[in-house]
Amino acid sequence: MEVEAEITSQVTIPTEAEGWYTYGREVASVEMDFEERGLTGYFVTTGDSKTDKRSALTFFFAKTRVGGDSIYFATHEIHRTWYEFSGVVGQTPPKEKSLQIEYSLDGTLTTHRLEADGSDSKTSKRVKFKKIGY
């Protein structure tokens, strides 16, 4: 799937921030990579309709923007649902010299559901995805 990727300014996010991020106890995660043309990746969460309840669904990025330490992505639609994230890549210094920097995605995650009448029903929440698998 082609991603509409845009770099809005000089990117200050280190390459070590690439990878897999997870959110709390919910089954929701983000895989992101930085390429020459911009940000690519996907969002994974469990379905909530009768046909896909508790099934993992992968929403590939359709549109991305990255600049400075800020990122934005909007996913492709699955079952009349798509996601949007806007935030920053955070860095927490290690508590000990031998440990690595901890990375996080801090921002707003919006769930879009297309209703039968074509309207977009949106719900947003503040989230902090933490990088796993250093």
C-alpha atoms as a PDB file:
ATOM      1  CA  MET A   1       0.000   0.000   0.000  1.00  0.00           C
ATOM      2  CA  GLU A   2       1.309   3.397  -0.935  1.00  0.00           C
ATOM      3  CA  VAL A   3       1.788   5.918   1.883  1.00  0.00           C
ATOM      4  CA  GLU A   4       1.331   9.634   1.318  1.00  0.00           C
ATOM      5  CA  ALA A   5       4.385  10.708   3.351  1.00  0.00           C
ATOM      6  CA  GLU A   6       5.510  14.252   4.025  1.00  0.00           C
ATOM      7  CA  ILE A   7       8.538  15.660   5.848  1.00  0.00           C
ATOM      8  CA  THR A   8       7.564  19.130   7.116  1.00  0.00           C
ATOM      9  CA  SER A   9      10.901  20.212   8.625  1.00  0.00           C
ATOM     10  CA  GLN A  10      14.253  18.779   9.675  1.00  0.00           C
ATOM     11  CA  VAL A  11      13.589  15.561  11.617  1.00  0.00           C
ATOM     12  CA  THR A  12      15.244  15.460  15.049  1.00  0.00           C
ATOM     13  CA  ILE A  13      13.985  11.983  15.966  1.00  0.00           C
ATOM     14  CA  PRO A  14      16.899   9.522  16.349  1.00  0.00           C
ATOM     15  CA  THR A  15      16.843   6.339  14.275  1.00  0.00           C
ATOM     16  CA  GLU A  16      16.855   4.353  17.551  1.00  0.00           C
ATOM     17  CA  ALA A  17      13.253   5.529  18.017  1.00  0.00           C
ATOM     18  CA  GLU A  18      12.132   3.316  15.116  1.00  0.00           C
ATOM     19  CA  GLY A  19      10.333   0.156  16.083  1.00  0.00           C
ATOM     20  CA  TRP A  20       7.451  -1.319  18.000  1.00  0.00           C
ATOM     21  CA  TYR A  21       5.391   0.629  20.554  1.00  0.00           C
ATOM     22  CA  THR A  22       2.587  -0.606  22.774  1.00  0.00           C
ATOM     23  CA  TYR A  23      -0.147   1.152  24.731  1.00  0.00           C
ATOM     24  CA  GLY A  24      -1.031   0.183  28.302  1.00  0.00           C
ATOM     25  CA  ARG A  25      -3.103  -2.912  28.932  1.00  0.00           C
ATOM     26  CA  GLU A  26      -5.083  -2.479  25.737  1.00  0.00           C
ATOM     27  CA  VAL A  27      -4.137  -4.542  22.752  1.00  0.00           C
ATOM     28  CA  ALA A  28      -2.944  -1.595  20.691  1.00  0.00           C
ATOM     29  CA  SER A  29       0.467  -1.072  19.166  1.00  0.00           C
ATOM     30  CA  VAL A  30       2.312   0.942  16.553  1.00  0.00           C
ATOM     31  CA  GLU A  31       5.197  -0.110  14.317  1.00  0.00           C
ATOM     32  CA  MET A  32       6.967   2.840  12.735  1.00  0.00           C
ATOM     33  CA  ASP A  33      10.015   3.270  10.562  1.00  0.00           C
ATOM     34  CA  PHE A  34      11.690   6.353   9.163  1.00  0.00           C
ATOM     35  CA  GLU A  35      12.621   6.208   5.516  1.00  0.00           C
ATOM     36  CA  GLU A  36      14.150   8.722   3.164  1.00  0.00           C
ATOM     37  CA  ARG A  37      10.683   9.793   2.027  1.00  0.00           C
ATOM     38  CA  GLY A  38       9.195   9.955   5.544  1.00  0.00           C
ATOM     39  CA  LEU A  39       7.376   7.873   8.142  1.00  0.00           C
ATOM     40  CA  THR A  40       5.920   4.431   7.329  1.00  0.00           C
ATOM     41  CA  GLY A  41       4.295   1.771   9.467  1.00  0.00           C
ATOM     42  CA  TYR A  42       1.031   0.459  10.850  1.00  0.00           C
ATOM     43  CA  PHE A  43      -1.298   0.457  13.858  1.00  0.00           C
ATOM     44  CA  VAL A  44      -2.600  -2.830  15.333  1.00  0.00           C
ATOM     45  CA  THR A  45      -5.639  -3.170  17.592  1.00  0.00           C
ATOM     46  CA  THR A  46      -8.427  -5.647  18.276  1.00  0.00           C
ATOM     47  CA  GLY A  47     -11.687  -5.432  16.398  1.00  0.00           C
ATOM     48  CA  ASP A  48     -14.901  -4.527  18.161  1.00  0.00           C
ATOM     49  CA  SER A  49     -17.621  -5.498  15.679  1.00  0.00           C
ATOM     50  CA  LYS A  50     -19.511  -8.808  15.665  1.00  0.00           C
ATOM     51  CA  THR A  51     -17.426 -10.144  12.772  1.00  0.00           C
ATOM     52  CA  ASP A  52     -13.976  -9.274  14.130  1.00  0.00           C
ATOM     53  CA  LYS A  53     -14.381  -9.139  17.912  1.00  0.00           C
ATOM     54  CA  ARG A  54     -11.049  -9.855  19.642  1.00  0.00           C
ATOM     55  CA  SER A  55      -9.286 -10.374  16.289  1.00  0.00           C
ATOM     56  CA  ALA A  56      -6.101  -8.419  15.661  1.00  0.00           C
ATOM     57  CA  LEU A  57      -6.567  -5.899  12.849  1.00  0.00           C
ATOM     58  CA  THR A  58      -3.637  -4.198  11.132  1.00  0.00           C
ATOM     59  CA  PHE A  59      -4.294  -0.656   9.895  1.00  0.00           C
ATOM     60  CA  PHE A  60      -1.472   0.419   7.570  1.00  0.00           C
ATOM     61  CA  PHE A  61      -0.545   4.094   7.457  1.00  0.00           C
ATOM     62  CA  ALA A  62      -2.194   5.929   4.561  1.00  0.00           C
ATOM     63  CA  LYS A  63      -0.887   9.428   5.286  1.00  0.00           C
ATOM     64  CA  THR A  64       2.027  10.559   7.474  1.00  0.00           C
ATOM     65  CA  ARG A  65       3.835  13.751   8.420  1.00  0.00           C
ATOM     66  CA  VAL A  66       7.044  14.080  10.379  1.00  0.00           C
ATOM     67  CA  GLY A  67       9.068  17.132  11.369  1.00  0.00           C
ATOM     68  CA  GLY A  68      11.224  17.968  14.377  1.00  0.00           C
ATOM     69  CA  ASP A  69      10.125  15.477  17.045  1.00  0.00           C
ATOM     70  CA  SER A  70       6.469  15.510  15.884  1.00  0.00           C
ATOM     71  CA  ILE A  71       4.688  12.725  14.037  1.00  0.00           C
ATOM     72  CA  TYR A  72       1.247  12.326  12.509  1.00  0.00           C
ATOM     73  CA  PHE A  73      -0.363   9.340  10.868  1.00  0.00           C
ATOM     74  CA  ALA A  74      -3.779   8.437   9.516  1.00  0.00           C
ATOM     75  CA  THR A  75      -4.500   4.796   8.655  1.00  0.00           C
ATOM     76  CA  HIS A  76      -6.375   3.115   5.864  1.00  0.00           C
ATOM     77  CA  GLU A  77      -9.964   2.138   6.668  1.00  0.00           C
ATOM     78  CA  ILE A  78     -11.049  -1.367   7.730  1.00  0.00           C
ATOM     79  CA  HIS A  79     -14.717  -2.161   8.394  1.00  0.00           C
ATOM     80  CA  ARG A  80     -15.653   1.552   8.261  1.00  0.00           C
ATOM     81  CA  THR A  81     -13.062   2.390  10.941  1.00  0.00           C
ATOM     82  CA  TRP A  82      -9.722   4.205  10.733  1.00  0.00           C
ATOM     83  CA  TYR A  83      -7.274   5.812  13.174  1.00  0.00           C
ATOM     84  CA  GLU A  84      -5.348   9.039  13.423  1.00  0.00           C
ATOM     85  CA  PHE A  85      -2.450   9.937  15.760  1.00  0.00           C
ATOM     86  CA  SER A  86      -0.802  13.294  16.344  1.00  0.00           C
ATOM     87  CA  GLY A  87       1.996  13.754  18.856  1.00  0.00           C
ATOM     88  CA  VAL A  88       5.698  13.683  19.589  1.00  0.00           C
ATOM     89  CA  VAL A  89       8.420  11.115  20.081  1.00  0.00           C
ATOM     90  CA  GLY A  90       9.476  11.477  23.721  1.00  0.00           C
ATOM     91  CA  GLN A  91      12.814  10.462  25.207  1.00  0.00           C
ATOM     92  CA  THR A  92      13.457   9.556  28.841  1.00  0.00           C
ATOM     93  CA  PRO A  93      17.151   9.438  29.802  1.00  0.00           C
ATOM     94  CA  PRO A  94      18.355   6.238  31.460  1.00  0.00           C
ATOM     95  CA  LYS A  95      18.535   6.157  35.259  1.00  0.00           C
ATOM     96  CA  GLU A  96      21.866   4.341  35.071  1.00  0.00           C
ATOM     97  CA  LYS A  97      24.696   4.818  32.571  1.00  0.00           C
ATOM     98  CA  SER A  98      24.443   1.262  31.236  1.00  0.00           C
ATOM     99  CA  LEU A  99      20.743   1.514  30.373  1.00  0.00           C
ATOM    100  CA  GLN A 100      19.288   2.784  27.092  1.00  0.00           C
ATOM    101  CA  ILE A 101      17.102   5.818  26.474  1.00  0.00           C
ATOM    102  CA  GLU A 102      13.392   4.975  26.698  1.00  0.00           C
ATOM    103  CA  TYR A 103      11.251   6.211  23.803  1.00  0.00           C
ATOM    104  CA  SER A 104       7.531   6.915  23.767  1.00  0.00           C
ATOM    105  CA  LEU A 105       4.850   8.280  21.449  1.00  0.00           C
ATOM    106  CA  ASP A 106       2.900  10.922  23.377  1.00  0.00           C
ATOM    107  CA  GLY A 107      -0.180  12.423  21.796  1.00  0.00           C
ATOM    108  CA  THR A 108      -3.805  12.068  20.788  1.00  0.00           C
ATOM    109  CA  LEU A 109      -5.253   8.930  19.201  1.00  0.00           C
ATOM    110  CA  THR A 110      -8.550   9.467  17.376  1.00  0.00           C
ATOM    111  CA  THR A 111     -10.837   6.623  16.317  1.00  0.00           C
ATOM    112  CA  HIS A 112     -13.003   7.423  13.288  1.00  0.00           C
ATOM    113  CA  ARG A 113     -16.118   5.346  12.611  1.00  0.00           C
ATOM    114  CA  LEU A 114     -18.106   5.951   9.457  1.00  0.00           C
ATOM    115  CA  GLU A 115     -21.808   5.756  10.268  1.00  0.00           C
ATOM    116  CA  ALA A 116     -24.505   4.402   7.910  1.00  0.00           C
ATOM    117  CA  ASP A 117     -25.485   7.970   6.959  1.00  0.00           C
ATOM    118  CA  GLY A 118     -21.860   8.713   5.945  1.00  0.00           C
ATOM    119  CA  SER A 119     -21.052  10.877   8.971  1.00  0.00           C
ATOM    120  CA  ASP A 120     -17.737  10.506  10.814  1.00  0.00           C
ATOM    121  CA  SER A 121     -18.170   9.617  14.487  1.00  0.00           C
ATOM    122  CA  LYS A 122     -14.892  10.495  16.264  1.00  0.00           C
ATOM    123  CA  THR A 123     -13.557   9.705  19.713  1.00  0.00           C
ATOM    124  CA  SER A 124     -10.171  10.949  20.903  1.00  0.00           C
ATOM    125  CA  LYS A 125      -7.986  10.132  23.885  1.00  0.00           C
ATOM    126  CA  ARG A 126      -4.550  11.070  25.152  1.00  0.00           C
ATOM    127  CA  VAL A 127      -2.157   8.120  24.886  1.00  0.00           C
ATOM    128  CA  LYS A 128       1.445   7.241  25.623  1.00  0.00           C
ATOM    129  CA  PHE A 129       2.806   4.333  23.615  1.00  0.00           C
ATOM    130  CA  LYS A 130       6.057   2.934  25.025  1.00  0.00           C
ATOM    131  CA  LYS A 131       8.763   1.417  22.851  1.00  0.00           C
ATOM    132  CA  ILE A 132       9.447  -2.265  23.434  1.00  0.00           C
ATOM    133  CA  GLY A 133      12.173  -4.583  22.189  1.00  0.00           C
ATOM    134  CA  TYR A 134      15.267  -2.419  22.327  1.00  0.00           C
END
